[in-house]
Amino acid sequence: MIRYFLALIFAVFVTGCGNPYPEFYTLSAEGPSPAGGGIGIGVGPIILAEYVDRQNLVIQTGPNKMEVAEFDLWSGDLDNSIARVLSINIGRRLGTGNVRTYPWQRDSEIDYQIAMDVREFIARDDGYAHIEASWRIYALPGRNLAASKTFIAKEPIETEDFEAVVAAQSRLLGKLSEEIASAIRKR
């Protein structure tokens, strides 16, 4: 059902036959970061694959085909939104309010830097949101590589609308945050 919905909704929105007014979406964190200090975490830079580095939401409708929603837009830069959500989620999991997003003022306030290449961050017509992101943790000072991994996951899209797509993508970032926080805890 979701698969057919996504194909239909994109056919409508891509052709401009839907709502002619833009709707804006934002990724959501799982809760606030703790206040105060703790270990210093820097999140960024986040590098996005060019096909998702755009203001419009993107759905993959075939093995080699992407559809771009004309009137369904991110409320800000997607790389900054991903960094914001990751920083809140990771800070919460590690119990630190000392989290910065790239670029930050001074490396001296950061114990670990998380850099990431996001190769896939889309919904597919299979009814799932998908992510593939290679992350690296650098210990500061010195920027020594402390851990790295490629995270691949999918999350079901629960209802038939774009808000559900963004909610599924937010849940994926929650899972990614847990993996990164766990790697930092092991240090």
N, C-alpha and C. Protein backbone atom coordinates (compact mmCIF):
# COMPACT_ATOMS: atom_id res chain seq x y z
N MET A 1 0.82 -1.19 0.00
CA MET A 1 0.00 0.00 0.00
C MET A 1 0.87 1.26 0.00
N ILE A 2 1.86 1.30 0.91
CA ILE A 2 2.74 2.47 0.98
C ILE A 2 3.47 2.66 -0.34
N ARG A 3 3.90 1.57 -0.94
CA ARG A 3 4.64 1.65 -2.21
C ARG A 3 3.81 2.36 -3.27
N TYR A 4 2.57 1.98 -3.38
CA TYR A 4 1.70 2.60 -4.38
C TYR A 4 1.39 4.04 -4.02
N PHE A 5 1.24 4.31 -2.73
CA PHE A 5 1.00 5.68 -2.29
C PHE A 5 2.15 6.59 -2.69
N LEU A 6 3.39 6.14 -2.39
CA LEU A 6 4.54 6.98 -2.70
C LEU A 6 4.65 7.26 -4.19
N ALA A 7 4.39 6.25 -5.00
CA ALA A 7 4.42 6.46 -6.45
C ALA A 7 3.34 7.44 -6.87
N LEU A 8 2.15 7.29 -6.32
CA LEU A 8 1.04 8.18 -6.66
C LEU A 8 1.29 9.60 -6.17
N ILE A 9 1.72 9.74 -4.92
CA ILE A 9 1.90 11.08 -4.36
C ILE A 9 2.99 11.84 -5.11
N PHE A 10 4.04 11.14 -5.51
CA PHE A 10 5.07 11.83 -6.27
C PHE A 10 4.62 12.16 -7.67
N ALA A 11 3.82 11.32 -8.26
CA ALA A 11 3.29 11.65 -9.58
C ALA A 11 2.47 12.93 -9.50
N VAL A 12 1.67 13.06 -8.46
CA VAL A 12 0.84 14.26 -8.28
C VAL A 12 1.70 15.48 -7.98
N PHE A 13 2.63 15.37 -7.02
CA PHE A 13 3.40 16.53 -6.62
C PHE A 13 4.45 16.94 -7.65
N VAL A 14 5.03 15.98 -8.34
CA VAL A 14 6.04 16.33 -9.33
C VAL A 14 5.41 17.03 -10.51
N THR A 15 4.19 16.65 -10.87
CA THR A 15 3.53 17.30 -12.00
C THR A 15 2.88 18.62 -11.61
N GLY A 16 2.86 18.93 -10.31
CA GLY A 16 2.31 20.21 -9.88
C GLY A 16 0.81 20.22 -9.73
N CYS A 17 0.17 19.06 -9.76
CA CYS A 17 -1.29 19.00 -9.67
C CYS A 17 -1.77 18.99 -8.22
N GLY A 18 -0.87 18.90 -7.28
CA GLY A 18 -1.25 18.87 -5.87
C GLY A 18 -1.37 20.29 -5.33
N ASN A 19 -1.14 20.43 -4.05
CA ASN A 19 -1.18 21.72 -3.39
C ASN A 19 -0.14 22.66 -4.02
N PRO A 20 -0.56 23.80 -4.56
CA PRO A 20 0.40 24.70 -5.22
C PRO A 20 1.23 25.52 -4.24
N TYR A 21 1.02 25.33 -2.95
CA TYR A 21 1.77 26.07 -1.94
C TYR A 21 2.80 25.15 -1.30
N PRO A 22 3.99 25.66 -1.09
CA PRO A 22 5.02 24.79 -0.50
C PRO A 22 4.69 24.41 0.94
N GLU A 23 5.09 23.21 1.29
CA GLU A 23 5.03 22.74 2.66
C GLU A 23 6.46 22.45 3.09
N PHE A 24 6.79 22.81 4.33
CA PHE A 24 8.15 22.70 4.81
C PHE A 24 8.25 21.66 5.91
N TYR A 25 9.34 20.90 5.90
CA TYR A 25 9.54 19.80 6.84
C TYR A 25 10.90 19.95 7.53
N THR A 26 10.96 19.44 8.76
CA THR A 26 12.22 19.46 9.50
C THR A 26 12.41 18.12 10.19
N LEU A 27 13.64 17.72 10.31
CA LEU A 27 13.99 16.51 11.05
C LEU A 27 13.84 16.78 12.54
N SER A 28 13.50 15.76 13.30
CA SER A 28 13.32 15.97 14.74
C SER A 28 14.27 15.08 15.53
N ALA A 29 14.78 15.66 16.62
CA ALA A 29 15.62 14.93 17.55
C ALA A 29 14.73 14.18 18.52
N GLU A 30 15.33 13.26 19.28
CA GLU A 30 14.56 12.43 20.20
C GLU A 30 14.32 13.10 21.54
N GLY A 31 14.83 14.26 21.74
CA GLY A 31 14.66 14.99 22.98
C GLY A 31 15.77 16.00 23.13
N PRO A 32 15.71 16.83 24.14
CA PRO A 32 16.75 17.86 24.30
C PRO A 32 18.06 17.27 24.82
N SER A 33 19.15 17.96 24.50
CA SER A 33 20.44 17.60 25.08
C SER A 33 20.46 18.03 26.53
N PRO A 34 21.22 17.33 27.36
CA PRO A 34 21.35 17.79 28.75
C PRO A 34 22.00 19.17 28.79
N ALA A 35 21.66 19.94 29.78
CA ALA A 35 22.28 21.25 29.97
C ALA A 35 23.65 21.05 30.60
N GLY A 36 24.50 22.02 30.43
CA GLY A 36 25.78 21.99 31.13
C GLY A 36 26.87 21.31 30.36
N GLY A 37 27.91 20.96 31.10
CA GLY A 37 29.14 20.44 30.51
C GLY A 37 29.11 18.97 30.20
N GLY A 38 30.28 18.40 30.20
CA GLY A 38 30.49 17.01 29.82
C GLY A 38 31.57 16.96 28.76
N ILE A 39 31.75 15.79 28.20
CA ILE A 39 32.77 15.69 27.15
C ILE A 39 32.36 16.55 25.97
N GLY A 40 33.36 17.10 25.29
CA GLY A 40 33.10 17.96 24.15
C GLY A 40 32.98 17.16 22.87
N ILE A 41 31.85 17.32 22.19
CA ILE A 41 31.58 16.62 20.94
C ILE A 41 31.35 17.66 19.85
N GLY A 42 32.04 17.50 18.74
CA GLY A 42 31.82 18.34 17.57
C GLY A 42 31.23 17.50 16.45
N VAL A 43 30.11 17.91 15.90
CA VAL A 43 29.46 17.16 14.83
C VAL A 43 29.60 17.93 13.53
N GLY A 44 30.31 17.32 12.59
CA GLY A 44 30.48 17.91 11.27
C GLY A 44 31.93 17.91 10.87
N PRO A 45 32.16 18.17 9.61
CA PRO A 45 31.17 18.48 8.58
C PRO A 45 30.38 17.25 8.14
N ILE A 46 29.18 17.51 7.66
CA ILE A 46 28.31 16.49 7.08
C ILE A 46 28.30 16.75 5.57
N ILE A 47 28.74 15.76 4.81
CA ILE A 47 28.78 15.88 3.35
C ILE A 47 27.67 15.01 2.78
N LEU A 48 26.80 15.61 1.97
CA LEU A 48 25.66 14.90 1.37
C LEU A 48 25.92 14.55 -0.08
N ALA A 49 25.42 13.39 -0.50
CA ALA A 49 25.42 13.06 -1.93
C ALA A 49 24.63 14.13 -2.67
N GLU A 50 25.07 14.49 -3.85
CA GLU A 50 24.46 15.64 -4.53
C GLU A 50 22.99 15.45 -4.84
N TYR A 51 22.53 14.23 -5.04
CA TYR A 51 21.13 14.05 -5.38
C TYR A 51 20.18 14.27 -4.21
N VAL A 52 20.69 14.26 -2.97
CA VAL A 52 19.84 14.61 -1.82
C VAL A 52 20.17 15.98 -1.26
N ASP A 53 21.23 16.59 -1.72
CA ASP A 53 21.65 17.91 -1.25
C ASP A 53 20.87 18.98 -2.00
N ARG A 54 19.61 19.05 -1.66
CA ARG A 54 18.70 20.00 -2.31
C ARG A 54 17.60 20.36 -1.34
N GLN A 55 16.83 21.36 -1.66
CA GLN A 55 15.76 21.79 -0.77
C GLN A 55 14.55 20.87 -0.84
N ASN A 56 14.36 20.20 -1.95
CA ASN A 56 13.19 19.34 -2.15
C ASN A 56 13.39 17.96 -1.55
N LEU A 57 12.31 17.35 -1.08
CA LEU A 57 12.36 15.96 -0.67
C LEU A 57 12.50 15.09 -1.92
N VAL A 58 13.20 13.97 -1.78
CA VAL A 58 13.50 13.09 -2.91
C VAL A 58 13.02 11.68 -2.58
N ILE A 59 12.39 11.04 -3.56
CA ILE A 59 11.97 9.64 -3.44
C ILE A 59 12.59 8.86 -4.59
N GLN A 60 13.12 7.69 -4.29
CA GLN A 60 13.63 6.82 -5.34
C GLN A 60 12.47 5.93 -5.78
N THR A 61 12.09 6.04 -7.06
CA THR A 61 10.93 5.31 -7.57
C THR A 61 11.32 4.15 -8.47
N GLY A 62 12.59 3.95 -8.68
CA GLY A 62 13.06 2.83 -9.49
C GLY A 62 14.55 2.66 -9.26
N PRO A 63 15.13 1.60 -9.79
CA PRO A 63 16.55 1.36 -9.55
C PRO A 63 17.45 2.53 -9.97
N ASN A 64 17.05 3.24 -11.01
CA ASN A 64 17.86 4.35 -11.52
C ASN A 64 17.04 5.62 -11.69
N LYS A 65 15.96 5.76 -10.92
CA LYS A 65 15.08 6.90 -11.10
C LYS A 65 14.75 7.56 -9.77
N MET A 66 14.90 8.87 -9.72
CA MET A 66 14.55 9.68 -8.56
C MET A 66 13.44 10.64 -8.95
N GLU A 67 12.53 10.88 -8.00
CA GLU A 67 11.47 11.87 -8.18
C GLU A 67 11.71 12.96 -7.14
N VAL A 68 11.54 14.19 -7.55
CA VAL A 68 11.74 15.34 -6.67
C VAL A 68 10.39 15.99 -6.43
N ALA A 69 10.02 16.11 -5.15
CA ALA A 69 8.74 16.73 -4.79
C ALA A 69 8.84 18.24 -5.02
N GLU A 70 7.97 18.76 -5.85
CA GLU A 70 8.04 20.17 -6.21
C GLU A 70 7.68 21.09 -5.06
N PHE A 71 6.67 20.74 -4.27
CA PHE A 71 6.17 21.64 -3.23
C PHE A 71 6.43 21.15 -1.81
N ASP A 72 7.21 20.09 -1.65
CA ASP A 72 7.53 19.54 -0.32
C ASP A 72 9.01 19.73 -0.09
N LEU A 73 9.33 20.67 0.81
CA LEU A 73 10.68 21.18 0.93
C LEU A 73 11.22 21.04 2.35
N TRP A 74 12.54 20.91 2.46
CA TRP A 74 13.19 20.98 3.77
C TRP A 74 13.12 22.42 4.24
N SER A 75 12.96 22.61 5.54
CA SER A 75 12.84 23.97 6.09
C SER A 75 14.19 24.67 6.20
N GLY A 76 15.26 23.99 5.95
CA GLY A 76 16.61 24.57 5.97
C GLY A 76 17.55 23.67 5.22
N ASP A 77 18.84 23.95 5.32
CA ASP A 77 19.83 23.10 4.66
C ASP A 77 19.83 21.73 5.31
N LEU A 78 19.74 20.70 4.49
CA LEU A 78 19.64 19.34 5.01
C LEU A 78 20.89 18.93 5.79
N ASP A 79 22.06 19.31 5.32
CA ASP A 79 23.29 18.94 6.06
C ASP A 79 23.31 19.55 7.45
N ASN A 80 22.88 20.80 7.57
CA ASN A 80 22.80 21.45 8.88
C ASN A 80 21.74 20.80 9.77
N SER A 81 20.62 20.41 9.17
CA SER A 81 19.56 19.76 9.94
C SER A 81 20.02 18.40 10.46
N ILE A 82 20.71 17.64 9.64
CA ILE A 82 21.24 16.35 10.07
C ILE A 82 22.24 16.55 11.21
N ALA A 83 23.14 17.52 11.07
CA ALA A 83 24.13 17.80 12.12
C ALA A 83 23.43 18.21 13.42
N ARG A 84 22.39 19.03 13.32
CA ARG A 84 21.66 19.47 14.52
C ARG A 84 21.02 18.30 15.24
N VAL A 85 20.33 17.44 14.50
CA VAL A 85 19.65 16.30 15.11
C VAL A 85 20.66 15.32 15.70
N LEU A 86 21.74 15.04 14.97
CA LEU A 86 22.77 14.14 15.50
C LEU A 86 23.38 14.71 16.78
N SER A 87 23.66 16.00 16.80
CA SER A 87 24.29 16.59 17.98
C SER A 87 23.38 16.51 19.19
N ILE A 88 22.10 16.76 19.02
CA ILE A 88 21.16 16.65 20.14
C ILE A 88 21.05 15.21 20.60
N ASN A 89 20.85 14.29 19.65
CA ASN A 89 20.70 12.87 20.01
C ASN A 89 21.95 12.31 20.69
N ILE A 90 23.11 12.61 20.14
CA ILE A 90 24.36 12.10 20.71
C ILE A 90 24.61 12.72 22.08
N GLY A 91 24.38 14.02 22.23
CA GLY A 91 24.54 14.68 23.52
C GLY A 91 23.65 14.06 24.57
N ARG A 92 22.43 13.77 24.20
CA ARG A 92 21.48 13.15 25.12
C ARG A 92 21.96 11.76 25.54
N ARG A 93 22.44 10.97 24.57
CA ARG A 93 22.88 9.61 24.88
C ARG A 93 24.15 9.58 25.73
N LEU A 94 24.99 10.59 25.55
CA LEU A 94 26.25 10.63 26.30
C LEU A 94 26.15 11.50 27.56
N GLY A 95 25.02 12.11 27.77
CA GLY A 95 24.83 12.94 28.97
C GLY A 95 25.68 14.19 28.97
N THR A 96 25.89 14.78 27.80
CA THR A 96 26.68 16.00 27.71
C THR A 96 25.91 17.10 27.00
N GLY A 97 26.03 18.29 27.53
CA GLY A 97 25.48 19.47 26.87
C GLY A 97 26.56 20.23 26.11
N ASN A 98 27.76 19.69 26.11
CA ASN A 98 28.91 20.32 25.46
C ASN A 98 29.05 19.77 24.04
N VAL A 99 28.05 20.05 23.21
CA VAL A 99 28.03 19.55 21.84
C VAL A 99 27.94 20.74 20.89
N ARG A 100 28.76 20.73 19.87
CA ARG A 100 28.81 21.82 18.87
C ARG A 100 28.58 21.25 17.48
N THR A 101 28.05 22.07 16.60
CA THR A 101 27.98 21.69 15.19
C THR A 101 29.02 22.49 14.42
N TYR A 102 29.48 21.90 13.35
CA TYR A 102 30.53 22.47 12.52
C TYR A 102 30.00 23.70 11.79
N PRO A 103 30.76 24.76 11.69
CA PRO A 103 32.08 25.00 12.28
C PRO A 103 31.95 25.56 13.69
N TRP A 104 32.80 25.14 14.58
CA TRP A 104 32.80 25.65 15.95
C TRP A 104 33.96 26.60 16.11
N GLN A 105 33.97 27.32 17.22
CA GLN A 105 34.96 28.38 17.45
C GLN A 105 36.36 27.84 17.74
N ARG A 106 36.46 26.90 18.70
CA ARG A 106 37.79 26.45 19.14
C ARG A 106 37.81 24.93 19.28
N ASP A 107 38.82 24.30 18.70
CA ASP A 107 39.00 22.86 18.87
C ASP A 107 39.30 22.49 20.31
N SER A 108 39.82 23.44 21.08
CA SER A 108 40.19 23.14 22.47
C SER A 108 38.99 22.76 23.33
N GLU A 109 37.77 23.06 22.87
CA GLU A 109 36.56 22.70 23.61
C GLU A 109 36.00 21.34 23.19
N ILE A 110 36.63 20.71 22.22
CA ILE A 110 36.12 19.47 21.63
C ILE A 110 37.06 18.31 21.96
N ASP A 111 36.49 17.21 22.47
CA ASP A 111 37.25 15.99 22.72
C ASP A 111 37.18 15.04 21.53
N TYR A 112 36.00 15.00 20.86
CA TYR A 112 35.79 14.13 19.71
C TYR A 112 35.07 14.89 18.61
N GLN A 113 35.53 14.68 17.38
CA GLN A 113 34.85 15.25 16.21
C GLN A 113 34.25 14.10 15.42
N ILE A 114 33.00 14.29 14.99
CA ILE A 114 32.31 13.30 14.16
C ILE A 114 32.13 13.91 12.78
N ALA A 115 32.76 13.30 11.79
CA ALA A 115 32.62 13.73 10.39
C ALA A 115 31.84 12.64 9.66
N MET A 116 31.10 13.02 8.63
CA MET A 116 30.22 12.04 8.00
C MET A 116 30.01 12.34 6.52
N ASP A 117 29.95 11.26 5.74
CA ASP A 117 29.54 11.31 4.34
C ASP A 117 28.22 10.56 4.23
N VAL A 118 27.17 11.26 3.84
CA VAL A 118 25.85 10.65 3.69
C VAL A 118 25.65 10.36 2.21
N ARG A 119 25.68 9.07 1.88
CA ARG A 119 25.56 8.66 0.48
C ARG A 119 24.12 8.42 0.07
N GLU A 120 23.25 8.14 1.06
CA GLU A 120 21.84 7.89 0.78
C GLU A 120 21.03 8.36 1.98
N PHE A 121 20.01 9.16 1.72
CA PHE A 121 19.08 9.60 2.76
C PHE A 121 17.77 9.93 2.06
N ILE A 122 17.05 8.87 1.71
CA ILE A 122 15.86 9.02 0.87
C ILE A 122 14.78 8.04 1.31
N ALA A 123 13.60 8.27 0.78
CA ALA A 123 12.53 7.27 0.85
C ALA A 123 12.52 6.56 -0.48
N ARG A 124 12.13 5.31 -0.43
CA ARG A 124 11.97 4.54 -1.67
C ARG A 124 10.52 4.13 -1.79
N ASP A 125 10.15 3.72 -2.98
CA ASP A 125 8.77 3.29 -3.19
C ASP A 125 8.49 1.92 -2.59
N ASP A 126 9.44 1.39 -1.82
CA ASP A 126 9.21 0.13 -1.10
C ASP A 126 8.55 0.36 0.26
N GLY A 127 8.27 1.64 0.61
CA GLY A 127 7.63 1.95 1.87
C GLY A 127 8.59 2.17 3.02
N TYR A 128 9.88 2.32 2.72
CA TYR A 128 10.89 2.53 3.76
C TYR A 128 11.72 3.77 3.45
N ALA A 129 12.18 4.42 4.52
CA ALA A 129 13.21 5.46 4.40
C ALA A 129 14.55 4.73 4.55
N HIS A 130 15.54 5.14 3.79
CA HIS A 130 16.83 4.47 3.76
C HIS A 130 17.95 5.47 4.06
N ILE A 131 18.99 4.97 4.71
CA ILE A 131 20.18 5.78 4.94
C ILE A 131 21.42 4.91 4.74
N GLU A 132 22.44 5.51 4.18
CA GLU A 132 23.78 4.94 4.15
C GLU A 132 24.72 6.10 4.44
N ALA A 133 25.44 5.99 5.53
CA ALA A 133 26.32 7.08 5.96
C ALA A 133 27.61 6.49 6.52
N SER A 134 28.73 6.99 6.04
CA SER A 134 30.03 6.61 6.59
C SER A 134 30.43 7.68 7.59
N TRP A 135 30.67 7.25 8.83
CA TRP A 135 31.04 8.21 9.87
C TRP A 135 32.43 7.89 10.40
N ARG A 136 33.08 8.95 10.87
CA ARG A 136 34.41 8.84 11.45
C ARG A 136 34.43 9.65 12.73
N ILE A 137 35.06 9.10 13.76
CA ILE A 137 35.27 9.82 15.02
C ILE A 137 36.76 10.09 15.13
N TYR A 138 37.10 11.37 15.32
CA TYR A 138 38.48 11.78 15.51
C TYR A 138 38.66 12.24 16.96
N ALA A 139 39.72 11.77 17.60
CA ALA A 139 40.06 12.24 18.95
C ALA A 139 40.89 13.51 18.81
N LEU A 140 40.53 14.52 19.57
CA LEU A 140 41.25 15.78 19.55
C LEU A 140 41.98 15.95 20.88
N PRO A 141 43.07 16.67 20.96
CA PRO A 141 43.72 17.31 19.83
C PRO A 141 44.45 16.27 18.97
N GLY A 142 44.84 16.66 17.82
CA GLY A 142 45.60 15.80 16.93
C GLY A 142 44.79 15.15 15.83
N ARG A 143 43.48 15.13 15.97
CA ARG A 143 42.59 14.53 14.97
C ARG A 143 43.00 13.10 14.61
N ASN A 144 43.26 12.29 15.62
CA ASN A 144 43.58 10.88 15.39
C ASN A 144 42.29 10.11 15.19
N LEU A 145 42.25 9.29 14.15
CA LEU A 145 41.06 8.50 13.86
C LEU A 145 40.83 7.51 15.00
N ALA A 146 39.69 7.62 15.67
CA ALA A 146 39.37 6.76 16.82
C ALA A 146 38.43 5.63 16.43
N ALA A 147 37.56 5.86 15.47
CA ALA A 147 36.61 4.84 15.02
C ALA A 147 36.01 5.28 13.69
N SER A 148 35.60 4.31 12.90
CA SER A 148 34.89 4.62 11.66
C SER A 148 34.05 3.42 11.27
N LYS A 149 32.96 3.71 10.57
CA LYS A 149 32.05 2.64 10.16
C LYS A 149 31.08 3.19 9.12
N THR A 150 30.51 2.30 8.34
CA THR A 150 29.42 2.66 7.45
C THR A 150 28.13 2.13 8.05
N PHE A 151 27.17 3.02 8.24
CA PHE A 151 25.87 2.69 8.82
C PHE A 151 24.87 2.59 7.68
N ILE A 152 24.20 1.44 7.59
CA ILE A 152 23.16 1.22 6.58
C ILE A 152 21.92 0.71 7.30
N ALA A 153 20.80 1.38 7.09
CA ALA A 153 19.56 0.98 7.76
C ALA A 153 18.36 1.47 6.97
N LYS A 154 17.21 0.92 7.31
CA LYS A 154 15.95 1.39 6.75
C LYS A 154 14.91 1.40 7.86
N GLU A 155 13.91 2.24 7.68
CA GLU A 155 12.88 2.43 8.69
C GLU A 155 11.54 2.52 7.95
N PRO A 156 10.50 1.82 8.43
CA PRO A 156 9.21 1.87 7.73
C PRO A 156 8.57 3.26 7.79
N ILE A 157 7.93 3.61 6.71
CA ILE A 157 7.15 4.84 6.65
C ILE A 157 5.74 4.46 7.09
N GLU A 158 5.29 5.02 8.21
CA GLU A 158 4.10 4.51 8.90
C GLU A 158 2.77 4.94 8.30
N THR A 159 2.71 6.12 7.71
CA THR A 159 1.45 6.57 7.09
C THR A 159 1.77 7.13 5.72
N GLU A 160 0.74 7.49 5.01
CA GLU A 160 0.89 7.86 3.61
C GLU A 160 0.99 9.37 3.40
N ASP A 161 2.04 9.97 3.95
CA ASP A 161 2.27 11.40 3.71
C ASP A 161 3.75 11.72 3.89
N PHE A 162 4.13 12.92 3.47
CA PHE A 162 5.53 13.32 3.54
C PHE A 162 6.01 13.51 4.98
N GLU A 163 5.11 13.91 5.87
CA GLU A 163 5.50 14.04 7.27
C GLU A 163 5.95 12.70 7.82
N ALA A 164 5.31 11.62 7.40
CA ALA A 164 5.71 10.28 7.84
C ALA A 164 7.07 9.89 7.26
N VAL A 165 7.35 10.34 6.05
CA VAL A 165 8.67 10.10 5.45
C VAL A 165 9.75 10.76 6.31
N VAL A 166 9.54 12.02 6.67
CA VAL A 166 10.52 12.76 7.47
C VAL A 166 10.62 12.16 8.88
N ALA A 167 9.52 11.70 9.44
CA ALA A 167 9.56 11.05 10.76
C ALA A 167 10.40 9.77 10.69
N ALA A 168 10.26 9.00 9.63
CA ALA A 168 11.06 7.78 9.47
C ALA A 168 12.54 8.14 9.32
N GLN A 169 12.84 9.21 8.59
CA GLN A 169 14.23 9.65 8.45
C GLN A 169 14.79 10.11 9.80
N SER A 170 13.96 10.76 10.60
CA SER A 170 14.39 11.18 11.94
C SER A 170 14.72 9.96 12.81
N ARG A 171 13.89 8.92 12.71
CA ARG A 171 14.18 7.70 13.48
C ARG A 171 15.48 7.05 13.03
N LEU A 172 15.77 7.11 11.73
CA LEU A 172 17.05 6.59 11.24
C LEU A 172 18.21 7.34 11.87
N LEU A 173 18.08 8.66 11.99
CA LEU A 173 19.15 9.44 12.62
C LEU A 173 19.29 9.09 14.10
N GLY A 174 18.18 8.70 14.74
CA GLY A 174 18.25 8.23 16.12
C GLY A 174 19.07 6.96 16.23
N LYS A 175 18.87 6.03 15.32
CA LYS A 175 19.64 4.78 15.32
C LYS A 175 21.11 5.05 15.02
N LEU A 176 21.37 5.94 14.07
CA LEU A 176 22.75 6.31 13.75
C LEU A 176 23.42 6.97 14.96
N SER A 177 22.70 7.83 15.65
CA SER A 177 23.23 8.50 16.85
C SER A 177 23.62 7.48 17.91
N GLU A 178 22.81 6.46 18.10
CA GLU A 178 23.11 5.43 19.10
C GLU A 178 24.40 4.70 18.73
N GLU A 179 24.58 4.38 17.46
CA GLU A 179 25.80 3.68 17.04
C GLU A 179 27.03 4.54 17.31
N ILE A 180 26.96 5.82 16.98
CA ILE A 180 28.09 6.72 17.19
C ILE A 180 28.35 6.92 18.68
N ALA A 181 27.31 7.14 19.47
CA ALA A 181 27.47 7.32 20.91
C ALA A 181 28.09 6.08 21.54
N SER A 182 27.67 4.91 21.10
CA SER A 182 28.23 3.67 21.62
C SER A 182 29.72 3.57 21.34
N ALA A 183 30.14 3.98 20.14
CA ALA A 183 31.57 3.97 19.80
C ALA A 183 32.35 4.92 20.67
N ILE A 184 31.78 6.08 21.00
CA ILE A 184 32.46 7.04 21.88
C ILE A 184 32.54 6.50 23.30
N ARG A 185 31.48 5.86 23.78
CA ARG A 185 31.48 5.28 25.12
C ARG A 185 32.60 4.24 25.29
N LYS A 186 32.91 3.53 24.22
CA LYS A 186 33.94 2.48 24.29
C LYS A 186 35.35 3.04 24.33
N ARG A 187 35.51 4.32 24.12
CA ARG A 187 36.84 4.95 24.08
C ARG A 187 37.40 5.13 25.46
